[in-house]
């Protein structure tokens, strides 16, 4: 376990708590549907089940969740979570543009999930 992995995992877990307004690691464990000792072990080991986290945390922007970078409003669909993206595109009446944006969003999300799956646990 490296100090960087430990810090990385703790930062991601803390950002999930922040995004979903969870106060404790017990709340986080309930949200992720894992035992509270699992979250504690992740924090101690500097490793976690990235696949599970990505399955449960579909709304936060992945750039923010991983790197802490705030989304730019002009960069959607890349920088928006699913709900914000949906709101932004529903106001746009051009179906072809909406389809292209959704396709781009799906591709980027898939690529980000693939990259995250390669991180060491």
Protein backbone atom coordinates (compact mmCIF):
# COMPACT_ATOMS: atom_id res chain seq x y z
CA UNK A 1 0.00 0.00 0.00
CA UNK A 2 1.45 3.34 -0.98
CA UNK A 3 0.63 6.59 0.69
CA UNK A 4 -0.65 7.88 -2.67
CA UNK A 5 -3.15 5.02 -2.98
CA UNK A 6 -4.30 5.59 0.57
CA UNK A 7 -4.84 9.29 -0.06
CA UNK A 8 -6.50 8.62 -3.44
CA UNK A 9 -9.04 6.18 -2.02
CA UNK A 10 -9.82 8.37 0.97
CA UNK A 11 -10.30 11.39 -1.27
CA UNK A 12 -12.73 9.54 -3.55
CA UNK A 13 -14.69 8.19 -0.59
CA UNK A 14 -14.86 11.67 0.93
CA UNK A 15 -16.05 13.18 -2.36
CA UNK A 16 -18.80 10.58 -2.59
CA UNK A 17 -19.88 11.52 0.93
CA UNK A 18 -19.81 15.18 -0.01
CA UNK A 19 -21.78 14.72 -3.23
CA UNK A 20 -24.51 12.61 -1.67
CA UNK A 21 -24.45 14.59 1.63
CA UNK A 22 -23.55 11.52 3.66
CA UNK A 23 -22.29 12.43 7.12
CA UNK A 24 -20.48 9.29 8.22
CA UNK A 25 -18.69 6.28 6.79
CA UNK A 26 -21.61 4.23 8.13
CA UNK A 27 -23.94 6.29 5.87
CA UNK A 28 -21.51 5.75 3.00
CA UNK A 29 -21.49 2.00 3.60
CA UNK A 30 -25.29 1.94 3.58
CA UNK A 31 -25.36 3.94 0.35
CA UNK A 32 -22.86 1.58 -1.30
CA UNK A 33 -24.67 -1.43 0.21
CA UNK A 34 -21.56 -2.81 1.88
CA UNK A 35 -20.76 -3.52 5.51
CA UNK A 36 -19.35 -0.56 7.40
CA UNK A 37 -16.15 -2.49 8.06
CA UNK A 38 -15.65 -2.69 4.28
CA UNK A 39 -15.38 1.09 3.97
CA UNK A 40 -13.04 1.13 6.95
CA UNK A 41 -10.87 -1.55 5.33
CA UNK A 42 -10.78 0.39 2.05
CA UNK A 43 -9.55 3.46 3.91
CA UNK A 44 -6.87 1.48 5.79
CA UNK A 45 -5.63 -0.49 2.77
CA UNK A 46 -5.80 2.31 0.20
CA UNK A 47 -7.78 0.04 -2.11
CA UNK A 48 -11.46 -0.30 -2.91
CA UNK A 49 -13.92 -1.97 -5.25
CA UNK A 50 -13.90 0.60 -8.05
CA UNK A 51 -16.49 -1.30 -10.05
CA UNK A 52 -18.97 -1.20 -7.19
CA UNK A 53 -18.33 2.48 -6.57
CA UNK A 54 -18.89 3.29 -10.25
CA UNK A 55 -22.11 1.27 -10.29
CA UNK A 56 -23.50 3.13 -7.29
CA UNK A 57 -22.19 6.62 -8.08
CA UNK A 58 -23.59 7.34 -11.52
CA UNK A 59 -24.49 10.99 -11.00
CA UNK A 60 -21.27 12.77 -9.98
CA UNK A 61 -18.95 13.96 -12.71
CA UNK A 62 -16.12 11.44 -12.91
CA UNK A 63 -13.49 14.16 -13.46
CA UNK A 64 -14.54 15.73 -10.18
CA UNK A 65 -14.83 12.41 -8.37
CA UNK A 66 -11.33 11.29 -9.40
CA UNK A 67 -9.36 14.49 -9.94
CA UNK A 68 -11.36 17.09 -8.03
CA UNK A 69 -11.80 19.21 -11.14
CA UNK A 70 -15.02 21.19 -11.21
CA UNK A 71 -17.02 20.84 -14.43
CA UNK A 72 -17.10 23.69 -16.91
CA UNK A 73 -20.60 24.55 -18.05
CA UNK A 74 -19.49 24.93 -21.66
CA UNK A 75 -17.94 21.45 -21.69
CA UNK A 76 -21.06 19.37 -21.46
CA UNK A 77 -21.65 16.49 -22.00
CA UNK A 78 -18.15 15.69 -20.78
CA UNK A 79 -18.34 17.65 -17.56
CA UNK A 80 -21.90 17.04 -16.44
CA UNK A 81 -23.41 14.30 -14.37
CA UNK A 82 -26.30 12.44 -15.93
CA UNK A 83 -29.07 14.60 -14.43
CA UNK A 84 -27.46 17.92 -15.29
CA UNK A 85 -26.74 16.69 -18.81
CA UNK A 86 -30.35 15.60 -19.25
CA UNK A 87 -31.64 19.00 -18.09
CA UNK A 88 -29.23 20.83 -20.41
CA UNK A 89 -30.14 18.79 -23.48
CA UNK A 90 -33.90 18.65 -22.90
CA UNK A 91 -34.06 22.38 -23.51
CA UNK A 92 -32.41 21.85 -26.90
CA UNK A 93 -35.01 20.96 -29.55
CA UNK A 94 -32.57 19.65 -32.17
CA UNK A 95 -32.94 15.83 -31.99
CA UNK A 96 -29.79 15.15 -34.02
CA UNK A 97 -27.69 17.39 -31.79
CA UNK A 98 -29.14 15.70 -28.71
CA UNK A 99 -28.37 12.26 -30.11
CA UNK A 100 -24.77 13.25 -30.87
CA UNK A 101 -24.29 14.71 -27.41
CA UNK A 102 -25.73 11.63 -25.74
CA UNK A 103 -23.52 9.36 -27.84
CA UNK A 104 -20.46 11.41 -26.86
CA UNK A 105 -21.46 11.33 -23.21
CA UNK A 106 -21.86 7.54 -23.30
CA UNK A 107 -18.50 7.05 -25.01
CA UNK A 108 -16.67 9.26 -22.53
CA UNK A 109 -18.37 7.63 -19.57
CA UNK A 110 -17.48 4.18 -20.90
CA UNK A 111 -13.86 5.22 -21.43
CA UNK A 112 -13.61 6.68 -17.91
CA UNK A 113 -15.06 3.52 -16.39
CA UNK A 114 -12.58 1.41 -18.36
CA UNK A 115 -9.68 3.53 -17.12
CA UNK A 116 -10.90 3.29 -13.55
CA UNK A 117 -11.24 -0.47 -13.79
CA UNK A 118 -7.51 -0.67 -14.52
CA UNK A 119 -6.52 1.10 -11.32
CA UNK A 120 -5.00 -1.21 -8.74
CA UNK A 121 -7.23 -2.28 -5.88
